[in-house]
Full PDB file with SEQRES, HELIX, SHEET, SSBOND, CRYST1, ORIGX, SCALE, CONECT and MASTER records, all heavy atoms in Angstrom:
SEQRES   1 A   33  PRO VAL LEU LEU VAL ILE ALA ILE ILE PHE GLY ALA LEU          
SEQRES   2 A   33  TYR THR GLY SER ALA THR PRO THR GLU ALA GLY ALA LEU          
SEQRES   3 A   33  GLY ALA MET ILE VAL PHE GLY                                  
HELIX    1 AA1 VAL A    2  THR A   15  1                                  14    
HELIX    2 AA2 PRO A   20  PHE A   32  1                                  13    
CRYST1    1.000    1.000    1.000  90.00  90.00  90.00 P 1           1          
ORIGX1      1.000000  0.000000  0.000000        0.00000                         
ORIGX2      0.000000  1.000000  0.000000        0.00000                         
ORIGX3      0.000000  0.000000  1.000000        0.00000                         
SCALE1      1.000000  0.000000  0.000000        0.00000                         
SCALE2      0.000000  1.000000  0.000000        0.00000                         
SCALE3      0.000000  0.000000  1.000000        0.00000                         
ATOM      1  N   PRO A   1       4.373  -0.250   4.723  1.00  0.00           N  
ATOM      2  CA  PRO A   1       3.374   0.756   5.077  1.00  0.00           C  
ATOM      3  C   PRO A   1       2.652   0.451   6.388  1.00  0.00           C  
ATOM      4  O   PRO A   1       2.432   1.347   7.209  1.00  0.00           O  
ATOM      5  CB  PRO A   1       2.409   0.732   3.890  1.00  0.00           C  
ATOM      6  CG  PRO A   1       3.234   0.243   2.749  1.00  0.00           C  
ATOM      7  CD  PRO A   1       4.172  -0.746   3.342  1.00  0.00           C  
ATOM      8  N   VAL A   2       2.291  -0.814   6.593  1.00  0.00           N  
ATOM      9  CA  VAL A   2       1.608  -1.194   7.828  1.00  0.00           C  
ATOM     10  C   VAL A   2       2.549  -1.010   9.016  1.00  0.00           C  
ATOM     11  O   VAL A   2       2.158  -0.468  10.062  1.00  0.00           O  
ATOM     12  CB  VAL A   2       1.109  -2.644   7.747  1.00  0.00           C  
ATOM     13  CG1 VAL A   2       0.555  -3.097   9.093  1.00  0.00           C  
ATOM     14  CG2 VAL A   2       0.044  -2.773   6.666  1.00  0.00           C  
ATOM     15  N   LEU A   3       3.786  -1.482   8.870  1.00  0.00           N  
ATOM     16  CA  LEU A   3       4.750  -1.347   9.942  1.00  0.00           C  
ATOM     17  C   LEU A   3       5.027   0.128  10.279  1.00  0.00           C  
ATOM     18  O   LEU A   3       5.218   0.485  11.446  1.00  0.00           O  
ATOM     19  CB  LEU A   3       6.065  -2.055   9.585  1.00  0.00           C  
ATOM     20  CG  LEU A   3       5.985  -3.567   9.386  1.00  0.00           C  
ATOM     21  CD1 LEU A   3       7.326  -4.127   8.943  1.00  0.00           C  
ATOM     22  CD2 LEU A   3       5.530  -4.244  10.678  1.00  0.00           C  
ATOM     23  N   LEU A   4       5.015   0.978   9.260  1.00  0.00           N  
ATOM     24  CA  LEU A   4       5.240   2.402   9.485  1.00  0.00           C  
ATOM     25  C   LEU A   4       4.105   3.009  10.302  1.00  0.00           C  
ATOM     26  O   LEU A   4       4.351   3.754  11.239  1.00  0.00           O  
ATOM     27  CB  LEU A   4       5.360   3.111   8.136  1.00  0.00           C  
ATOM     28  CG  LEU A   4       5.579   4.635   8.180  1.00  0.00           C  
ATOM     29  CD1 LEU A   4       6.879   4.958   8.901  1.00  0.00           C  
ATOM     30  CD2 LEU A   4       5.561   5.213   6.770  1.00  0.00           C  
ATOM     31  N   VAL A   5       2.889   2.677   9.943  1.00  0.00           N  
ATOM     32  CA  VAL A   5       1.729   3.203  10.696  1.00  0.00           C  
ATOM     33  C   VAL A   5       1.758   2.699  12.131  1.00  0.00           C  
ATOM     34  O   VAL A   5       1.514   3.446  13.081  1.00  0.00           O  
ATOM     35  CB  VAL A   5       0.408   2.807   9.999  1.00  0.00           C  
ATOM     36  CG1 VAL A   5      -0.782   3.227  10.847  1.00  0.00           C  
ATOM     37  CG2 VAL A   5       0.326   3.450   8.630  1.00  0.00           C  
ATOM     38  N   ILE A   6       2.076   1.392  12.304  1.00  0.00           N  
ATOM     39  CA  ILE A   6       2.151   0.826  13.652  1.00  0.00           C  
ATOM     40  C   ILE A   6       3.227   1.554  14.464  1.00  0.00           C  
ATOM     41  O   ILE A   6       2.989   1.927  15.630  1.00  0.00           O  
ATOM     42  CB  ILE A   6       2.486  -0.674  13.587  1.00  0.00           C  
ATOM     43  CG1 ILE A   6       1.329  -1.437  12.938  1.00  0.00           C  
ATOM     44  CG2 ILE A   6       2.761  -1.233  14.977  1.00  0.00           C  
ATOM     45  CD1 ILE A   6       1.642  -2.908  12.658  1.00  0.00           C  
ATOM     46  N   ALA A   7       4.396   1.775  13.862  1.00  0.00           N  
ATOM     47  CA  ALA A   7       5.492   2.420  14.578  1.00  0.00           C  
ATOM     48  C   ALA A   7       5.127   3.852  14.978  1.00  0.00           C  
ATOM     49  O   ALA A   7       5.440   4.299  16.085  1.00  0.00           O  
ATOM     50  CB  ALA A   7       6.763   2.416  13.716  1.00  0.00           C  
ATOM     51  N   ILE A   8       4.449   4.565  14.080  1.00  0.00           N  
ATOM     52  CA  ILE A   8       4.083   5.944  14.382  1.00  0.00           C  
ATOM     53  C   ILE A   8       3.076   6.006  15.519  1.00  0.00           C  
ATOM     54  O   ILE A   8       3.243   6.779  16.488  1.00  0.00           O  
ATOM     55  CB  ILE A   8       3.530   6.628  13.128  1.00  0.00           C  
ATOM     56  CG1 ILE A   8       4.672   6.871  12.128  1.00  0.00           C  
ATOM     57  CG2 ILE A   8       2.827   7.941  13.460  1.00  0.00           C  
ATOM     58  CD1 ILE A   8       4.197   7.377  10.792  1.00  0.00           C  
ATOM     59  N   ILE A   9       2.026   5.202  15.433  1.00  0.00           N  
ATOM     60  CA  ILE A   9       0.987   5.227  16.469  1.00  0.00           C  
ATOM     61  C   ILE A   9       1.541   4.754  17.805  1.00  0.00           C  
ATOM     62  O   ILE A   9       1.377   5.392  18.844  1.00  0.00           O  
ATOM     63  CB  ILE A   9      -0.221   4.389  16.039  1.00  0.00           C  
ATOM     64  CG1 ILE A   9      -0.903   5.027  14.828  1.00  0.00           C  
ATOM     65  CG2 ILE A   9      -1.217   4.234  17.187  1.00  0.00           C  
ATOM     66  CD1 ILE A   9      -2.073   4.220  14.290  1.00  0.00           C  
ATOM     67  N   PHE A  10       2.233   3.625  17.761  1.00  0.00           N  
ATOM     68  CA  PHE A  10       2.793   3.052  19.005  1.00  0.00           C  
ATOM     69  C   PHE A  10       3.826   3.989  19.607  1.00  0.00           C  
ATOM     70  O   PHE A  10       3.837   4.257  20.811  1.00  0.00           O  
ATOM     71  CB  PHE A  10       3.394   1.686  18.734  1.00  0.00           C  
ATOM     72  CG  PHE A  10       3.846   0.976  19.973  1.00  0.00           C  
ATOM     73  CD1 PHE A  10       2.972   0.217  20.715  1.00  0.00           C  
ATOM     74  CD2 PHE A  10       5.178   1.068  20.399  1.00  0.00           C  
ATOM     75  CE1 PHE A  10       3.394  -0.443  21.867  1.00  0.00           C  
ATOM     76  CE2 PHE A  10       5.610   0.413  21.540  1.00  0.00           C  
ATOM     77  CZ  PHE A  10       4.714  -0.358  22.269  1.00  0.00           C  
ATOM     78  N   GLY A  11       4.740   4.508  18.756  1.00  0.00           N  
ATOM     79  CA  GLY A  11       5.784   5.385  19.267  1.00  0.00           C  
ATOM     80  C   GLY A  11       5.238   6.677  19.847  1.00  0.00           C  
ATOM     81  O   GLY A  11       5.690   7.141  20.897  1.00  0.00           O  
ATOM     82  N   ALA A  12       4.227   7.250  19.187  1.00  0.00           N  
ATOM     83  CA  ALA A  12       3.637   8.495  19.682  1.00  0.00           C  
ATOM     84  C   ALA A  12       2.951   8.284  21.033  1.00  0.00           C  
ATOM     85  O   ALA A  12       3.083   9.111  21.946  1.00  0.00           O  
ATOM     86  CB  ALA A  12       2.634   9.033  18.676  1.00  0.00           C  
ATOM     87  N   LEU A  13       2.240   7.166  21.172  1.00  0.00           N  
ATOM     88  CA  LEU A  13       1.551   6.879  22.433  1.00  0.00           C  
ATOM     89  C   LEU A  13       2.554   6.563  23.536  1.00  0.00           C  
ATOM     90  O   LEU A  13       2.391   7.012  24.690  1.00  0.00           O  
ATOM     91  CB  LEU A  13       0.592   5.716  22.261  1.00  0.00           C  
ATOM     92  CG  LEU A  13      -0.592   5.928  21.318  1.00  0.00           C  
ATOM     93  CD1 LEU A  13      -1.406   4.643  21.184  1.00  0.00           C  
ATOM     94  CD2 LEU A  13      -1.483   7.062  21.833  1.00  0.00           C  
ATOM     95  N   TYR A  14       3.587   5.803  23.215  1.00  0.00           N  
ATOM     96  CA  TYR A  14       4.548   5.374  24.228  1.00  0.00           C  
ATOM     97  C   TYR A  14       5.377   6.540  24.749  1.00  0.00           C  
ATOM     98  O   TYR A  14       5.621   6.653  25.960  1.00  0.00           O  
ATOM     99  CB  TYR A  14       5.457   4.294  23.653  1.00  0.00           C  
ATOM    100  CG  TYR A  14       6.400   3.698  24.680  1.00  0.00           C  
ATOM    101  CD1 TYR A  14       5.928   2.774  25.597  1.00  0.00           C  
ATOM    102  CD2 TYR A  14       7.753   4.053  24.709  1.00  0.00           C  
ATOM    103  CE1 TYR A  14       6.771   2.212  26.541  1.00  0.00           C  
ATOM    104  CE2 TYR A  14       8.604   3.500  25.652  1.00  0.00           C  
ATOM    105  CZ  TYR A  14       8.118   2.581  26.559  1.00  0.00           C  
ATOM    106  OH  TYR A  14       8.959   2.047  27.496  1.00  0.00           O  
ATOM    107  N   THR A  15       5.815   7.401  23.859  1.00  0.00           N  
ATOM    108  CA  THR A  15       6.672   8.525  24.270  1.00  0.00           C  
ATOM    109  C   THR A  15       5.855   9.714  24.774  1.00  0.00           C  
ATOM    110  O   THR A  15       6.401  10.613  25.393  1.00  0.00           O  
ATOM    111  CB  THR A  15       7.561   8.996  23.098  1.00  0.00           C  
ATOM    112  OG1 THR A  15       6.727   9.450  22.030  1.00  0.00           O  
ATOM    113  CG2 THR A  15       8.450   7.852  22.631  1.00  0.00           C  
ATOM    114  N   GLY A  16       4.558   9.718  24.474  1.00  0.00           N  
ATOM    115  CA  GLY A  16       3.743  10.855  24.868  1.00  0.00           C  
ATOM    116  C   GLY A  16       3.933  12.067  23.977  1.00  0.00           C  
ATOM    117  O   GLY A  16       3.494  13.165  24.316  1.00  0.00           O  
ATOM    118  N   SER A  17       4.574  11.897  22.824  1.00  0.00           N  
ATOM    119  CA  SER A  17       4.858  13.016  21.935  1.00  0.00           C  
ATOM    120  C   SER A  17       3.622  13.481  21.165  1.00  0.00           C  
ATOM    121  O   SER A  17       3.608  14.541  20.553  1.00  0.00           O  
ATOM    122  CB  SER A  17       5.953  12.629  20.940  1.00  0.00           C  
ATOM    123  OG  SER A  17       5.571  11.487  20.183  1.00  0.00           O  
ATOM    124  N   ALA A  18       2.568  12.681  21.185  1.00  0.00           N  
ATOM    125  CA  ALA A  18       1.302  13.055  20.508  1.00  0.00           C  
ATOM    126  C   ALA A  18       0.156  12.421  21.252  1.00  0.00           C  
ATOM    127  O   ALA A  18       0.303  11.382  21.902  1.00  0.00           O  
ATOM    128  CB  ALA A  18       1.313  12.583  19.036  1.00  0.00           C  
ATOM    129  N   THR A  19      -0.994  13.047  21.171  1.00  0.00           N  
ATOM    130  CA  THR A  19      -2.204  12.469  21.749  1.00  0.00           C  
ATOM    131  C   THR A  19      -2.679  11.335  20.849  1.00  0.00           C  
ATOM    132  O   THR A  19      -2.277  11.241  19.689  1.00  0.00           O  
ATOM    133  CB  THR A  19      -3.298  13.527  21.880  1.00  0.00           C  
ATOM    134  OG1 THR A  19      -3.696  13.927  20.559  1.00  0.00           O  
ATOM    135  CG2 THR A  19      -2.835  14.745  22.649  1.00  0.00           C  
ATOM    136  N   PRO A  20      -3.548  10.446  21.372  1.00  0.00           N  
ATOM    137  CA  PRO A  20      -4.092   9.389  20.513  1.00  0.00           C  
ATOM    138  C   PRO A  20      -4.767   9.945  19.267  1.00  0.00           C  
ATOM    139  O   PRO A  20      -4.671   9.372  18.171  1.00  0.00           O  
ATOM    140  CB  PRO A  20      -5.104   8.682  21.428  1.00  0.00           C  
ATOM    141  CG  PRO A  20      -4.550   8.872  22.805  1.00  0.00           C  
ATOM    142  CD  PRO A  20      -3.934  10.247  22.796  1.00  0.00           C  
ATOM    143  N   THR A  21      -5.462  11.083  19.391  1.00  0.00           N  
ATOM    144  CA  THR A  21      -6.125  11.684  18.235  1.00  0.00           C  
ATOM    145  C   THR A  21      -5.117  12.154  17.211  1.00  0.00           C  
ATOM    146  O   THR A  21      -5.281  11.941  15.999  1.00  0.00           O  
ATOM    147  CB  THR A  21      -6.998  12.865  18.677  1.00  0.00           C  
ATOM    148  OG1 THR A  21      -7.992  12.382  19.592  1.00  0.00           O  
ATOM    149  CG2 THR A  21      -7.686  13.518  17.496  1.00  0.00           C  
ATOM    150  N   GLU A  22      -4.041  12.784  17.664  1.00  0.00           N  
ATOM    151  CA  GLU A  22      -3.003  13.248  16.737  1.00  0.00           C  
ATOM    152  C   GLU A  22      -2.325  12.065  16.059  1.00  0.00           C  
ATOM    153  O   GLU A  22      -2.026  12.096  14.865  1.00  0.00           O  
ATOM    154  CB  GLU A  22      -1.993  14.108  17.498  1.00  0.00           C  
ATOM    155  CG  GLU A  22      -2.554  15.431  17.975  1.00  0.00           C  
ATOM    156  CD  GLU A  22      -1.660  16.114  18.993  1.00  0.00           C  
ATOM    157  OE1 GLU A  22      -0.743  15.448  19.519  1.00  0.00           O  
ATOM    158  OE2 GLU A  22      -1.900  17.300  19.279  1.00  0.00           O  
ATOM    159  N   ALA A  23      -2.051  10.996  16.830  1.00  0.00           N  
ATOM    160  CA  ALA A  23      -1.435   9.807  16.251  1.00  0.00           C  
ATOM    161  C   ALA A  23      -2.361   9.173  15.231  1.00  0.00           C  
ATOM    162  O   ALA A  23      -1.934   8.734  14.148  1.00  0.00           O  
ATOM    163  CB  ALA A  23      -1.100   8.811  17.346  1.00  0.00           C  
ATOM    164  N   GLY A  24      -3.664   9.128  15.529  1.00  0.00           N  
ATOM    165  CA  GLY A  24      -4.634   8.584  14.584  1.00  0.00           C  
ATOM    166  C   GLY A  24      -4.716   9.404  13.311  1.00  0.00           C  
ATOM    167  O   GLY A  24      -4.823   8.857  12.203  1.00  0.00           O  
ATOM    168  N   ALA A  25      -4.676  10.737  13.453  1.00  0.00           N  
ATOM    169  CA  ALA A  25      -4.735  11.595  12.278  1.00  0.00           C  
ATOM    170  C   ALA A  25      -3.517  11.407  11.388  1.00  0.00           C  
ATOM    171  O   ALA A  25      -3.616  11.339  10.150  1.00  0.00           O  
ATOM    172  CB  ALA A  25      -4.842  13.060  12.723  1.00  0.00           C  
ATOM    173  N   LEU A  26      -2.334  11.285  12.011  1.00  0.00           N  
ATOM    174  CA  LEU A  26      -1.112  11.073  11.237  1.00  0.00           C  
ATOM    175  C   LEU A  26      -1.140   9.717  10.542  1.00  0.00           C  
ATOM    176  O   LEU A  26      -0.766   9.596   9.365  1.00  0.00           O  
ATOM    177  CB  LEU A  26       0.099  11.171  12.163  1.00  0.00           C  
ATOM    178  CG  LEU A  26       1.486  11.113  11.502  1.00  0.00           C  
ATOM    179  CD1 LEU A  26       1.617  12.207  10.453  1.00  0.00           C  
ATOM    180  CD2 LEU A  26       2.584  11.255  12.547  1.00  0.00           C  
ATOM    181  N   GLY A  27      -1.623   8.679  11.259  1.00  0.00           N  
ATOM    182  CA  GLY A  27      -1.729   7.356  10.646  1.00  0.00           C  
ATOM    183  C   GLY A  27      -2.679   7.359   9.474  1.00  0.00           C  
ATOM    184  O   GLY A  27      -2.402   6.768   8.428  1.00  0.00           O  
ATOM    185  N   ALA A  28      -3.820   8.032   9.613  1.00  0.00           N  
ATOM    186  CA  ALA A  28      -4.798   8.110   8.524  1.00  0.00           C  
ATOM    187  C   ALA A  28      -4.221   8.837   7.315  1.00  0.00           C  
ATOM    188  O   ALA A  28      -4.447   8.443   6.169  1.00  0.00           O  
ATOM    189  CB  ALA A  28      -6.068   8.803   9.015  1.00  0.00           C  
ATOM    190  N   MET A  29      -3.454   9.894   7.575  1.00  0.00           N  
ATOM    191  CA  MET A  29      -2.855  10.652   6.477  1.00  0.00           C  
ATOM    192  C   MET A  29      -1.840   9.805   5.716  1.00  0.00           C  
ATOM    193  O   MET A  29      -1.805   9.817   4.471  1.00  0.00           O  
ATOM    194  CB  MET A  29      -2.167  11.908   7.027  1.00  0.00           C  
ATOM    195  CG  MET A  29      -1.558  12.798   5.937  1.00  0.00           C  
ATOM    196  SD  MET A  29      -0.656  14.202   6.601  1.00  0.00           S  
ATOM    197  CE  MET A  29       0.779  13.359   7.287  1.00  0.00           C  
ATOM    198  N   ILE A  30      -1.054   9.012   6.448  1.00  0.00           N  
ATOM    199  CA  ILE A  30      -0.050   8.172   5.793  1.00  0.00           C  
ATOM    200  C   ILE A  30      -0.714   7.090   4.954  1.00  0.00           C  
ATOM    201  O   ILE A  30      -0.339   6.859   3.777  1.00  0.00           O  
ATOM    202  CB  ILE A  30       0.876   7.543   6.851  1.00  0.00           C  
ATOM    203  CG1 ILE A  30       1.748   8.627   7.502  1.00  0.00           C  
ATOM    204  CG2 ILE A  30       1.744   6.448   6.228  1.00  0.00           C  
ATOM    205  CD1 ILE A  30       2.571   8.131   8.635  1.00  0.00           C  
ATOM    206  N   VAL A  31      -1.737   6.455   5.501  1.00  0.00           N  
ATOM    207  CA  VAL A  31      -2.436   5.394   4.742  1.00  0.00           C  
ATOM    208  C   VAL A  31      -3.133   5.992   3.525  1.00  0.00           C  
ATOM    209  O   VAL A  31      -3.144   5.411   2.441  1.00  0.00           O  
ATOM    210  CB  VAL A  31      -3.453   4.666   5.638  1.00  0.00           C  
ATOM    211  CG1 VAL A  31      -4.239   3.639   4.824  1.00  0.00           C  
ATOM    212  CG2 VAL A  31      -2.735   3.956   6.785  1.00  0.00           C  
ATOM    213  N   PHE A  32      -3.689   7.185   3.675  1.00  0.00           N  
ATOM    214  CA  PHE A  32      -4.329   7.845   2.525  1.00  0.00           C  
ATOM    215  C   PHE A  32      -3.282   8.165   1.459  1.00  0.00           C  
ATOM    216  O   PHE A  32      -3.544   7.988   0.255  1.00  0.00           O  
ATOM    217  CB  PHE A  32      -4.999   9.123   2.980  1.00  0.00           C  
ATOM    218  CG  PHE A  32      -5.613   9.919   1.853  1.00  0.00           C  
ATOM    219  CD1 PHE A  32      -6.742   9.465   1.190  1.00  0.00           C  
ATOM    220  CD2 PHE A  32      -5.021  11.123   1.435  1.00  0.00           C  
ATOM    221  CE1 PHE A  32      -7.282  10.192   0.133  1.00  0.00           C  
ATOM    222  CE2 PHE A  32      -5.557  11.838   0.397  1.00  0.00           C  
ATOM    223  CZ  PHE A  32      -6.697  11.381  -0.256  1.00  0.00           C  
ATOM    224  N   GLY A  33      -2.102   8.628   1.863  1.00  0.00           N  
ATOM    225  CA  GLY A  33      -1.033   8.899   0.898  1.00  0.00           C  
ATOM    226  C   GLY A  33      -0.618   7.642   0.152  1.00  0.00           C  
ATOM    227  O   GLY A  33      -0.417   7.680  -1.080  1.00  0.00           O  
TER     228      GLY A  33                                                      
MASTER        0    0    0    2    0    0    0    6  227    1    0    3          
END                                                                             
């Protein structure tokens, strides 16, 4: 779970596919799930 959140946030920021806020929201949703 931790590695998944790291990969999502890092990947989104690195590729520019999501803003930091969007990446944070997705990470929070995954951890909440």
